[in-house]
PDB file of N, CA and C in Angstrom:
ATOM      1  N   MET A   1      10.259 -26.562  -1.744  1.00  0.00           N
ATOM      2  CA  MET A   1      11.005 -25.244  -2.025  1.00  0.00           C
ATOM      3  C   MET A   1      10.415 -23.910  -1.706  1.00  0.00           C
ATOM      4  N   TYR A   2      11.247 -23.108  -1.102  1.00  0.00           N
ATOM      5  CA  TYR A   2      10.343 -21.749  -1.321  1.00  0.00           C
ATOM      6  C   TYR A   2      11.093 -20.595  -1.665  1.00  0.00           C
ATOM      7  N   GLY A   3      10.247 -20.009  -2.348  1.00  0.00           N
ATOM      8  CA  GLY A   3      10.704 -19.013  -3.689  1.00  0.00           C
ATOM      9  C   GLY A   3      10.542 -17.362  -2.903  1.00  0.00           C
ATOM     10  N   ARG A   4      11.033 -16.689  -3.173  1.00  0.00           N
ATOM     11  CA  ARG A   4      10.646 -15.053  -2.606  1.00  0.00           C
ATOM     12  C   ARG A   4      11.172 -14.086  -3.431  1.00  0.00           C
ATOM     13  N   ILE A   5      10.496 -12.818  -3.596  1.00  0.00           N
ATOM     14  CA  ILE A   5      11.044 -11.911  -4.373  1.00  0.00           C
ATOM     15  C   ILE A   5      12.076 -11.219  -3.675  1.00  0.00           C
ATOM     16  N   ILE A   6      12.869 -10.532  -4.109  1.00  0.00           N
ATOM     17  CA  ILE A   6      14.150  -9.536  -3.394  1.00  0.00           C
ATOM     18  C   ILE A   6      13.557  -8.678  -3.613  1.00  0.00           C
ATOM     19  N   ASP A   7      13.306  -7.733  -2.776  1.00  0.00           N
ATOM     20  CA  ASP A   7      12.749  -6.575  -2.825  1.00  0.00           C
ATOM     21  C   ASP A   7      13.581  -5.483  -2.391  1.00  0.00           C
ATOM     22  N   PRO A   8      14.151  -4.719  -3.187  1.00  0.00           N
ATOM     23  CA  PRO A   8      15.520  -3.974  -3.057  1.00  0.00           C
ATOM     24  C   PRO A   8      14.595  -2.386  -2.260  1.00  0.00           C
ATOM     25  N   ARG A   9      13.573  -2.205  -1.945  1.00  0.00           N
ATOM     26  CA  ARG A   9      12.931  -1.314  -1.005  1.00  0.00           C
ATOM     27  C   ARG A   9      13.104  -1.672   0.586  1.00  0.00           C
ATOM     28  N   PRO A  10      13.482  -0.359   0.863  1.00  0.00           N
ATOM     29  CA  PRO A  10      13.443  -0.683   2.854  1.00  0.00           C
ATOM     30  C   PRO A  10      12.598  -1.119   3.393  1.00  0.00           C
ATOM     31  N   ALA A  11      12.576  -2.058   4.021  1.00  0.00           N
ATOM     32  CA  ALA A  11      11.745  -2.533   5.329  1.00  0.00           C
ATOM     33  C   ALA A  11      12.259  -2.346   6.483  1.00  0.00           C
ATOM     34  N   TYR A  12      11.285  -2.021   7.303  1.00  0.00           N
ATOM     35  CA  TYR A  12      11.253  -1.666   9.009  1.00  0.00           C
ATOM     36  C   TYR A  12      10.127  -2.303   9.394  1.00  0.00           C
ATOM     37  N   GLY A  13      11.043  -3.158  10.369  1.00  0.00           N
ATOM     38  CA  GLY A  13       9.563  -4.091  11.240  1.00  0.00           C
ATOM     39  C   GLY A  13       8.381  -4.875  10.466  1.00  0.00           C
ATOM     40  N   GLY A  14       8.777  -5.151   9.426  1.00  0.00           N
ATOM     41  CA  GLY A  14       7.691  -5.804   8.659  1.00  0.00           C
ATOM     42  C   GLY A  14       7.046  -5.005   7.551  1.00  0.00           C
ATOM     43  N   LEU A  15       6.968  -3.662   7.690  1.00  0.00           N
ATOM     44  CA  LEU A  15       6.591  -2.730   6.905  1.00  0.00           C
ATOM     45  C   LEU A  15       7.901  -2.640   5.801  1.00  0.00           C
ATOM     46  N   ILE A  16       7.064  -2.223   4.318  1.00  0.00           N
ATOM     47  CA  ILE A  16       7.469  -1.884   3.214  1.00  0.00           C
ATOM     48  C   ILE A  16       7.851  -0.580   2.942  1.00  0.00           C
ATOM     49  N   GLN A  17       9.169   0.446   2.712  1.00  0.00           N
ATOM     50  CA  GLN A  17       8.645   1.606   2.555  1.00  0.00           C
ATOM     51  C   GLN A  17       8.184   1.920   0.672  1.00  0.00           C
ATOM     52  N   VAL A  18       6.937   2.665   0.868  1.00  0.00           N
ATOM     53  CA  VAL A  18       6.944   2.920  -0.640  1.00  0.00           C
ATOM     54  C   VAL A  18       7.848   4.281  -1.194  1.00  0.00           C
ATOM     55  N   CYS A  19       8.480   4.277  -2.189  1.00  0.00           N
ATOM     56  CA  CYS A  19       9.446   5.191  -2.310  1.00  0.00           C
ATOM     57  C   CYS A  19       8.902   6.143  -3.488  1.00  0.00           C
ATOM     58  N   THR A  20       7.713   5.451  -4.355  1.00  0.00           N
ATOM     59  CA  THR A  20       7.448   6.305  -5.736  1.00  0.00           C
ATOM     60  C   THR A  20       5.930   5.977  -5.689  1.00  0.00           C
ATOM     61  N   PRO A  21       5.419   7.150  -6.224  1.00  0.00           N
ATOM     62  CA  PRO A  21       3.640   6.644  -6.244  1.00  0.00           C
ATOM     63  C   PRO A  21       3.624   5.518  -7.277  1.00  0.00           C
ATOM     64  N   ALA A  22       4.389   5.157  -8.561  1.00  0.00           N
ATOM     65  CA  ALA A  22       4.328   3.998  -9.181  1.00  0.00           C
ATOM     66  C   ALA A  22       4.396   2.720  -8.281  1.00  0.00           C
ATOM     67  N   ASP A  23       5.258   2.843  -7.155  1.00  0.00           N
ATOM     68  CA  ASP A  23       5.099   1.660  -6.562  1.00  0.00           C
ATOM     69  C   ASP A  23       3.659   1.097  -6.298  1.00  0.00           C
ATOM     70  N   ILE A  24       2.747   2.162  -5.519  1.00  0.00           N
ATOM     71  CA  ILE A  24       1.790   1.793  -5.158  1.00  0.00           C
ATOM     72  C   ILE A  24       0.621   0.944  -6.185  1.00  0.00           C
ATOM     73  N   GLU A  25       0.763   1.064  -7.578  1.00  0.00           N
ATOM     74  CA  GLU A  25       0.084   0.389  -8.200  1.00  0.00           C
ATOM     75  C   GLU A  25       0.843  -1.106  -8.381  1.00  0.00           C
ATOM     76  N   TYR A  26       1.902  -1.383  -8.288  1.00  0.00           N
ATOM     77  CA  TYR A  26       2.693  -2.633  -8.005  1.00  0.00           C
ATOM     78  C   TYR A  26       2.057  -3.176  -6.817  1.00  0.00           C
ATOM     79  N   LEU A  27       2.327  -2.481  -5.603  1.00  0.00           N
ATOM     80  CA  LEU A  27       2.158  -2.945  -4.151  1.00  0.00           C
ATOM     81  C   LEU A  27       0.259  -3.420  -4.397  1.00  0.00           C
ATOM     82  N   VAL A  28      -0.008  -2.711  -4.676  1.00  0.00           N
ATOM     83  CA  VAL A  28      -1.806  -3.039  -4.877  1.00  0.00           C
ATOM     84  C   VAL A  28      -1.941  -4.112  -5.362  1.00  0.00           C
ATOM     85  N   LYS A  29      -1.665  -4.263  -6.742  1.00  0.00           N
ATOM     86  CA  LYS A  29      -2.052  -5.293  -7.500  1.00  0.00           C
ATOM     87  C   LYS A  29      -1.209  -6.860  -6.990  1.00  0.00           C
ATOM     88  N   GLU A  30       0.045  -6.643  -6.344  1.00  0.00           N
ATOM     89  CA  GLU A  30       0.564  -7.632  -5.993  1.00  0.00           C
ATOM     90  C   GLU A  30      -0.465  -7.989  -4.850  1.00  0.00           C
ATOM     91  N   SER A  31      -0.680  -7.272  -4.090  1.00  0.00           N
ATOM     92  CA  SER A  31      -1.254  -7.844  -2.433  1.00  0.00           C
ATOM     93  C   SER A  31      -3.110  -8.491  -3.180  1.00  0.00           C
ATOM     94  N   GLU A  32      -3.356  -8.080  -4.336  1.00  0.00           N
ATOM     95  CA  GLU A  32      -4.581  -8.397  -4.664  1.00  0.00           C
ATOM     96  C   GLU A  32      -4.387  -9.896  -5.478  1.00  0.00           C
ATOM     97  N   VAL A  33      -3.432 -10.061  -5.957  1.00  0.00           N
ATOM     98  CA  VAL A  33      -3.207 -11.340  -6.779  1.00  0.00           C
ATOM     99  C   VAL A  33      -2.689 -12.092  -5.748  1.00  0.00           C
ATOM    100  N   VAL A  34      -1.856 -12.207  -4.617  1.00  0.00           N
ATOM    101  CA  VAL A  34      -1.193 -12.969  -3.787  1.00  0.00           C
ATOM    102  C   VAL A  34      -2.468 -13.286  -3.062  1.00  0.00           C
ATOM    103  N   THR A  35      -3.217 -12.687  -2.270  1.00  0.00           N
ATOM    104  CA  THR A  35      -4.072 -12.552  -1.254  1.00  0.00           C
ATOM    105  C   THR A  35      -5.539 -13.343  -1.767  1.00  0.00           C
ATOM    106  N   GLY A  36      -5.930 -12.674  -2.621  1.00  0.00           N
ATOM    107  CA  GLY A  36      -7.402 -12.546  -3.244  1.00  0.00           C
ATOM    108  C   GLY A  36      -8.100 -11.672  -2.725  1.00  0.00           C
ATOM    109  N   ASN A  37      -7.855 -10.564  -1.528  1.00  0.00           N
ATOM    110  CA  ASN A  37      -8.229  -9.396  -1.216  1.00  0.00           C
ATOM    111  C   ASN A  37      -8.097  -8.632  -1.867  1.00  0.00           C
ATOM    112  N   ARG A  38      -8.982  -7.414  -2.203  1.00  0.00           N
ATOM    113  CA  ARG A  38      -9.201  -6.163  -2.796  1.00  0.00           C
ATOM    114  C   ARG A  38      -8.502  -5.413  -1.902  1.00  0.00           C
ATOM    115  N   GLY A  39      -7.578  -4.417  -2.429  1.00  0.00           N
ATOM    116  CA  GLY A  39      -6.996  -3.369  -2.011  1.00  0.00           C
ATOM    117  C   GLY A  39      -5.816  -3.614  -1.063  1.00  0.00           C
ATOM    118  N   ARG A  40      -5.049  -3.282  -0.557  1.00  0.00           N
ATOM    119  CA  ARG A  40      -3.735  -3.365   0.503  1.00  0.00           C
ATOM    120  C   ARG A  40      -3.759  -2.073   1.204  1.00  0.00           C
ATOM    121  N   LYS A  41      -3.396  -2.429   2.934  1.00  0.00           N
ATOM    122  CA  LYS A  41      -3.304  -1.381   3.430  1.00  0.00           C
ATOM    123  C   LYS A  41      -2.180  -0.776   3.356  1.00  0.00           C
ATOM    124  N   PHE A  42      -2.413   0.804   3.559  1.00  0.00           N
ATOM    125  CA  PHE A  42      -0.798   1.638   3.707  1.00  0.00           C
ATOM    126  C   PHE A  42      -0.936   2.454   4.911  1.00  0.00           C
ATOM    127  N   VAL A  43       0.376   2.852   5.400  1.00  0.00           N
ATOM    128  CA  VAL A  43       0.222   3.605   6.835  1.00  0.00           C
ATOM    129  C   VAL A  43       1.203   4.701   6.781  1.00  0.00           C
ATOM    130  N   ILE A  44       0.752   6.020   6.913  1.00  0.00           N
ATOM    131  CA  ILE A  44       1.748   7.138   6.863  1.00  0.00           C
ATOM    132  C   ILE A  44       2.314   6.808   8.515  1.00  0.00           C
ATOM    133  N   CYS A  45       3.608   6.898   8.157  1.00  0.00           N
ATOM    134  CA  CYS A  45       4.065   6.737   9.718  1.00  0.00           C
ATOM    135  C   CYS A  45       4.591   7.958  10.526  1.00  0.00           C
ATOM    136  N   GLY A  46       3.770   8.707  10.872  1.00  0.00           N
ATOM    137  CA  GLY A  46       3.562  10.484  11.136  1.00  0.00           C
ATOM    138  C   GLY A  46       3.302  10.336  12.598  1.00  0.00           C
ATOM    139  N   ALA A  47       2.859  11.307  13.145  1.00  0.00           N
ATOM    140  CA  ALA A  47       2.793  11.196  14.662  1.00  0.00           C
ATOM    141  C   ALA A  47       1.167  10.469  14.827  1.00  0.00           C
ATOM    142  N   ASP A  48       0.604  10.970  14.057  1.00  0.00           N
ATOM    143  CA  ASP A  48      -0.847  10.249  13.904  1.00  0.00           C
ATOM    144  C   ASP A  48      -1.018   8.600  13.333  1.00  0.00           C
ATOM    145  N   ARG A  49      -0.222   8.343  12.905  1.00  0.00           N
ATOM    146  CA  ARG A  49      -0.120   7.004  11.862  1.00  0.00           C
ATOM    147  C   ARG A  49      -1.439   6.772  11.518  1.00  0.00           C
ATOM    148  N   LEU A  50      -1.782   7.411  10.475  1.00  0.00           N
ATOM    149  CA  LEU A  50      -2.969   7.406  10.025  1.00  0.00           C
ATOM    150  C   LEU A  50      -2.899   6.318   8.417  1.00  0.00           C
ATOM    151  N   ALA A  51      -4.210   5.461   8.765  1.00  0.00           N
ATOM    152  CA  ALA A  51      -4.048   3.844   7.650  1.00  0.00           C
ATOM    153  C   ALA A  51      -4.911   4.461   6.596  1.00  0.00           C
ATOM    154  N   TYR A  52      -4.455   4.033   5.618  1.00  0.00           N
ATOM    155  CA  TYR A  52      -5.704   3.915   4.534  1.00  0.00           C
ATOM    156  C   TYR A  52      -5.400   2.594   3.583  1.00  0.00           C
ATOM    157  N   ARG A  53      -6.689   2.016   3.021  1.00  0.00           N
ATOM    158  CA  ARG A  53      -6.709   0.789   2.264  1.00  0.00           C
ATOM    159  C   ARG A  53      -7.143   1.434   0.819  1.00  0.00           C
ATOM    160  N   ILE A  54      -6.133   1.236  -0.215  1.00  0.00           N
ATOM    161  CA  ILE A  54      -6.139   1.501  -1.554  1.00  0.00           C
ATOM    162  C   ILE A  54      -6.446   0.130  -2.517  1.00  0.00           C
ATOM    163  N   ALA A  55      -7.394   0.441  -3.503  1.00  0.00           N
ATOM    164  CA  ALA A  55      -7.598  -0.990  -4.267  1.00  0.00           C
ATOM    165  C   ALA A  55      -7.606  -0.304  -5.757  1.00  0.00           C
ATOM    166  N   TRP A  56      -7.134  -1.242  -6.157  1.00  0.00           N
ATOM    167  CA  TRP A  56      -7.403  -0.767  -8.290  1.00  0.00           C
ATOM    168  C   TRP A  56      -8.831  -1.028  -8.597  1.00  0.00           C
ATOM    169  N   CYS A  57      -8.912  -0.108  -9.335  1.00  0.00           N
ATOM    170  CA  CYS A  57     -10.408  -0.068  -9.665  1.00  0.00           C
ATOM    171  C   CYS A  57     -10.447   0.911 -11.385  1.00  0.00           C
ATOM    172  N   PRO A  58     -10.930   0.378 -12.305  1.00  0.00           N
ATOM    173  CA  PRO A  58     -10.798   0.959 -13.587  1.00  0.00           C
ATOM    174  C   PRO A  58     -10.512   2.024 -14.207  1.00  0.00           C
ATOM    175  N   HIS A  59     -10.449   2.894 -13.121  1.00  0.00           N
ATOM    176  CA  HIS A  59     -10.626   4.694 -13.815  1.00  0.00           C
ATOM    177  C   HIS A  59      -9.698   4.925 -12.668  1.00  0.00           C
ATOM    178  N   GLY A  60      -8.754   4.321 -11.851  1.00  0.00           N
ATOM    179  CA  GLY A  60      -7.709   4.526 -10.819  1.00  0.00           C
ATOM    180  C   GLY A  60      -7.654   4.204  -9.623  1.00  0.00           C
ATOM    181  N   TYR A  61      -7.786   4.447  -8.640  1.00  0.00           N
ATOM    182  CA  TYR A  61      -8.025   3.738  -7.189  1.00  0.00           C
ATOM    183  C   TYR A  61      -8.771   4.317  -6.415  1.00  0.00           C
ATOM    184  N   GLN A  62      -9.585   3.276  -5.394  1.00  0.00           N
ATOM    185  CA  GLN A  62     -10.204   3.653  -4.425  1.00  0.00           C
ATOM    186  C   GLN A  62      -9.326   3.843  -2.932  1.00  0.00           C
ATOM    187  N   VAL A  63      -9.646   4.889  -2.603  1.00  0.00           N
ATOM    188  CA  VAL A  63      -9.006   5.060  -1.232  1.00  0.00           C
ATOM    189  C   VAL A  63      -9.711   5.486  -0.209  1.00  0.00           C
ATOM    190  N   GLU A  64      -9.510   4.473   0.908  1.00  0.00           N
ATOM    191  CA  GLU A  64     -10.405   4.412   1.816  1.00  0.00           C
ATOM    192  C   GLU A  64      -9.651   5.020   3.355  1.00  0.00           C
ATOM    193  N   ARG A  65      -9.888   6.006   4.034  1.00  0.00           N
ATOM    194  CA  ARG A  65      -9.290   6.385   5.168  1.00  0.00           C
ATOM    195  C   ARG A  65      -9.559   5.388   6.170  1.00  0.00           C
ATOM    196  N   LEU A  66      -8.789   4.206   6.869  1.00  0.00           N
ATOM    197  CA  LEU A  66      -9.562   3.468   8.129  1.00  0.00           C
ATOM    198  C   LEU A  66      -9.430   4.184   9.605  1.00  0.00           C
ATOM    199  N   ASP A  67      -9.921   3.547  10.246  1.00  0.00           N
ATOM    200  CA  ASP A  67     -10.083   3.856  11.621  1.00  0.00           C
ATOM    201  C   ASP A  67      -9.118   3.385  12.421  1.00  0.00           C
ATOM    202  N   GLU A  68      -9.119   3.294  13.978  1.00  0.00           N
ATOM    203  CA  GLU A  68      -8.324   2.088  14.830  1.00  0.00           C
ATOM    204  C   GLU A  68      -8.516   0.783  14.282  1.00  0.00           C
ATOM    205  N   SER A  69     -10.019   0.483  13.700  1.00  0.00           N
ATOM    206  CA  SER A  69     -10.394  -1.527  13.920  1.00  0.00           C
ATOM    207  C   SER A  69     -10.455  -1.312  12.269  1.00  0.00           C
ATOM    208  N   ASP A  70      -9.799  -0.911  11.557  1.00  0.00           N
ATOM    209  CA  ASP A  70      -9.677  -1.073  10.169  1.00  0.00           C
ATOM    210  C   ASP A  70     -11.303  -0.551   9.367  1.00  0.00           C
ATOM    211  N   LYS A  71     -11.947  -0.362  10.032  1.00  0.00           N
ATOM    212  CA  LYS A  71     -13.092   0.158   9.280  1.00  0.00           C
ATOM    213  C   LYS A  71     -13.194   1.274   8.298  1.00  0.00           C
ATOM    214  N   PRO A  72     -13.599   1.578   7.004  1.00  0.00           N
ATOM    215  CA  PRO A  72     -13.148   2.629   6.098  1.00  0.00           C
ATOM    216  C   PRO A  72     -14.359   4.197   7.019  1.00  0.00           C
ATOM    217  N   THR A  73     -13.499   5.285   7.330  1.00  0.00           N
ATOM    218  CA  THR A  73     -14.414   6.204   7.233  1.00  0.00           C
ATOM    219  C   THR A  73     -14.543   7.352   6.627  1.00  0.00           C
ATOM    220  N   SER A  74     -13.871   7.358   5.052  1.00  0.00           N
ATOM    221  CA  SER A  74     -14.118   8.258   4.400  1.00  0.00           C
ATOM    222  C   SER A  74     -13.575   6.862   2.682  1.00  0.00           C
ATOM    223  N   THR A  75     -14.152   7.406   1.794  1.00  0.00           N
ATOM    224  CA  THR A  75     -13.810   7.032   0.779  1.00  0.00           C
ATOM    225  C   THR A  75     -13.707   8.008  -0.353  1.00  0.00           C
ATOM    226  N   MET A  76     -12.707   8.066  -0.968  1.00  0.00           N
ATOM    227  CA  MET A  76     -12.464   8.837  -2.442  1.00  0.00           C
ATOM    228  C   MET A  76     -11.845   7.856  -3.657  1.00  0.00           C
ATOM    229  N   TYR A  77     -11.907   8.705  -4.413  1.00  0.00           N
ATOM    230  CA  TYR A  77     -11.248   8.008  -5.801  1.00  0.00           C
ATOM    231  C   TYR A  77     -10.385   9.317  -6.438  1.00  0.00           C
ATOM    232  N   LEU A  78      -8.852   8.465  -6.697  1.00  0.00           N
ATOM    233  CA  LEU A  78      -8.130   9.620  -7.355  1.00  0.00           C
ATOM    234  C   LEU A  78      -7.479   8.600  -8.394  1.00  0.00           C
ATOM    235  N   LEU A  79      -7.356   9.452  -9.509  1.00  0.00           N
ATOM    236  CA  LEU A  79      -6.316   8.903 -10.563  1.00  0.00           C
ATOM    237  C   LEU A  79      -4.872   8.917  -9.995  1.00  0.00           C
ATOM    238  N   PRO A  80      -3.721   7.972 -10.741  1.00  0.00           N
ATOM    239  CA  PRO A  80      -2.394   8.034 -10.258  1.00  0.00           C
ATOM    240  C   PRO A  80      -1.922   9.225 -10.360  1.00  0.00           C
ATOM    241  N   ALA A  81      -2.361  10.183 -11.306  1.00  0.00           N
ATOM    242  CA  ALA A  81      -1.615  11.588 -10.866  1.00  0.00           C
ATOM    243  C   ALA A  81      -1.848  12.292  -9.752  1.00  0.00           C
ATOM    244  N   GLN A  82      -2.850  12.271  -9.646  1.00  0.00           N
ATOM    245  CA  GLN A  82      -3.437  12.988  -8.775  1.00  0.00           C
ATOM    246  C   GLN A  82      -2.936  12.925  -7.341  1.00  0.00           C
ATOM    247  N   PHE A  83      -1.840  11.718  -6.943  1.00  0.00           N
ATOM    248  CA  PHE A  83      -1.441  11.273  -5.715  1.00  0.00           C
ATOM    249  C   PHE A  83      -0.832  12.467  -5.197  1.00  0.00           C
ATOM    250  N   GLY A  84      -0.130  12.996  -6.105  1.00  0.00           N
ATOM    251  CA  GLY A  84       0.893  13.999  -5.246  1.00  0.00           C
ATOM    252  C   GLY A  84       0.338  15.333  -4.818  1.00  0.00           C
ATOM    253  N   ALA A  85      -1.281  15.501  -4.877  1.00  0.00           N
ATOM    254  CA  ALA A  85      -1.647  16.444  -4.026  1.00  0.00           C
ATOM    255  C   ALA A  85      -2.530  16.118  -3.014  1.00  0.00           C
ATOM    256  N   HIS A  86      -2.543  14.803  -2.740  1.00  0.00           N
ATOM    257  CA  HIS A  86      -3.161  14.055  -1.629  1.00  0.00           C
ATOM    258  C   HIS A  86      -2.015  13.949  -0.631  1.00  0.00           C
ATOM    259  N   GLY A  87      -2.593  13.745   0.798  1.00  0.00           N
ATOM    260  CA  GLY A  87      -1.638  13.308   1.766  1.00  0.00           C
ATOM    261  C   GLY A  87      -0.601  12.341   1.532  1.00  0.00           C
ATOM    262  N   LEU A  88      -1.015  11.492   0.530  1.00  0.00           N
ATOM    263  CA  LEU A  88      -0.393  10.106   0.646  1.00  0.00           C
ATOM    264  C   LEU A  88       0.826  10.566  -0.284  1.00  0.00           C
ATOM    265  N   GLY A  89       0.720  11.637  -1.502  1.00  0.00           N
ATOM    266  CA  GLY A  89       1.882  11.886  -2.220  1.00  0.00           C
ATOM    267  C   GLY A  89       2.751  12.727  -1.209  1.00  0.00           C
ATOM    268  N   GLU A  90       2.333  13.314  -0.416  1.00  0.00           N
ATOM    269  CA  GLU A  90       3.311  14.367   0.821  1.00  0.00           C
ATOM    270  C   GLU A  90       3.826  13.022   1.371  1.00  0.00           C
ATOM    271  N   ALA A  91       3.405  12.099   1.558  1.00  0.00           N
ATOM    272  CA  ALA A  91       4.162  11.148   2.641  1.00  0.00           C
ATOM    273  C   ALA A  91       4.965  10.075   2.015  1.00  0.00           C
ATOM    274  N   ILE A  92       4.831  10.066   0.431  1.00  0.00           N
ATOM    275  CA  ILE A  92       5.883   9.224  -0.313  1.00  0.00           C
ATOM    276  C   ILE A  92       7.155  10.502  -0.472  1.00  0.00           C
ATOM    277  N   SER A  93       6.591  11.326  -0.858  1.00  0.00           N
ATOM    278  CA  SER A  93       8.123  12.328  -0.528  1.00  0.00           C
ATOM    279  C   SER A  93       9.011  12.543   0.205  1.00  0.00           C
ATOM    280  N   ARG A  94       8.121  12.532   1.759  1.00  0.00           N
ATOM    281  CA  ARG A  94       9.272  12.384   3.016  1.00  0.00           C
ATOM    282  C   ARG A  94       9.381  10.986   2.982  1.00  0.00           C
ATOM    283  N   GLY A  95       8.955  10.079   2.580  1.00  0.00           N
ATOM    284  CA  GLY A  95       9.645   8.530   3.011  1.00  0.00           C
ATOM    285  C   GLY A  95       8.587   8.080   3.996  1.00  0.00           C
ATOM    286  N   GLN A  96       7.391   8.883   4.446  1.00  0.00           N
ATOM    287  CA  GLN A  96       6.756   8.304   5.206  1.00  0.00           C
ATOM    288  C   GLN A  96       5.582   7.150   5.321  1.00  0.00           C
ATOM    289  N   LEU A  97       5.572   6.926   3.897  1.00  0.00           N
ATOM    290  CA  LEU A  97       4.481   5.758   3.478  1.00  0.00           C
ATOM    291  C   LEU A  97       4.943   4.268   3.582  1.00  0.00           C
ATOM    292  N   PHE A  98       4.180   3.718   4.110  1.00  0.00           N
ATOM    293  CA  PHE A  98       5.023   2.410   4.431  1.00  0.00           C
ATOM    294  C   PHE A  98       3.352   1.327   4.105  1.00  0.00           C
ATOM    295  N   THR A  99       3.970   0.128   3.766  1.00  0.00           N
ATOM    296  CA  THR A  99       2.868  -1.120   3.647  1.00  0.00           C
ATOM    297  C   THR A  99       3.401  -2.462   4.317  1.00  0.00           C
ATOM    298  N   PRO A 100       2.561  -3.275   5.017  1.00  0.00           N
ATOM    299  CA  PRO A 100       2.918  -4.280   5.668  1.00  0.00           C
ATOM    300  C   PRO A 100       3.487  -5.098   4.469  1.00  0.00           C
ATOM    301  N   ALA A 101       4.477  -6.088   4.477  1.00  0.00           N
ATOM    302  CA  ALA A 101       5.298  -7.055   3.837  1.00  0.00           C
ATOM    303  C   ALA A 101       4.355  -8.285   3.801  1.00  0.00           C
ATOM    304  N   LEU A 102       4.098  -8.964   2.459  1.00  0.00           N
ATOM    305  CA  LEU A 102       3.172 -10.033   2.179  1.00  0.00           C
ATOM    306  C   LEU A 102       4.294 -11.370   2.553  1.00  0.00           C
ATOM    307  N   SER A 103       3.910 -11.910   3.392  1.00  0.00           N
ATOM    308  CA  SER A 103       4.464 -13.204   3.958  1.00  0.00           C
ATOM    309  C   SER A 103       4.920 -14.131   2.796  1.00  0.00           C
ATOM    310  N   ARG A 104       5.925 -15.289   3.003  1.00  0.00           N
ATOM    311  CA  ARG A 104       6.566 -15.748   2.229  1.00  0.00           C
ATOM    312  C   ARG A 104       5.441 -16.828   1.755  1.00  0.00           C
ATOM    313  N   LEU A 105       5.874 -17.010  -0.071  1.00  0.00           N
ATOM    314  CA  LEU A 105       4.572 -18.329  -0.392  1.00  0.00           C
ATOM    315  C   LEU A 105       5.325 -19.260  -0.335  1.00  0.00           C
ATOM    316  N   LYS A 106       4.807 -20.253  -0.663  1.00  0.00           N
ATOM    317  CA  LYS A 106       5.234 -21.621  -0.715  1.00  0.00           C
ATOM    318  C   LYS A 106       5.065 -21.969  -2.487  1.00  0.00           C
ATOM    319  N   VAL A 107       6.349 -22.014  -2.791  1.00  0.00           N
ATOM    320  CA  VAL A 107       6.001 -22.678  -4.464  1.00  0.00           C
ATOM    321  C   VAL A 107       6.219 -23.707  -4.417  1.00  0.00           C
ATOM    322  N   SER A 108       5.314 -24.807  -5.348  1.00  0.00           N
ATOM    323  CA  SER A 108       5.659 -25.856  -5.768  1.00  0.00           C
ATOM    324  C   SER A 108       6.552 -26.339  -6.621  1.00  0.00           C
ATOM    325  N   PRO A 109       7.351 -27.342  -6.170  1.00  0.00           N
ATOM    326  CA  PRO A 109       8.088 -27.663  -7.884  1.00  0.00           C
ATOM    327  C   PRO A 109       8.057 -27.824  -9.188  1.00  0.00           C
TER     328      PRO A 109
END
């Protein structure tokens, strides 16, 4: 038996659109629980296709800017309320922030 969560957010080519700043917390925690890995990759689908890894930490988020090989080039810490002032917040408001969809999970009966 296979289970899946029906997600109302638009998905394009295996990417899920982040529609609100509140989506980030859910998507990061979902990825950390399902994969066991810290953080989740997000991409600003603009001309430069900037990539970030966002991880949950006790005081907010750890945001790492990633290079072409997914290695961190810089790290900053943001509170959820600070996303609007960051490029990530601007990307959300323009509908340009996406994250890879997680693969379907096999659920035991």
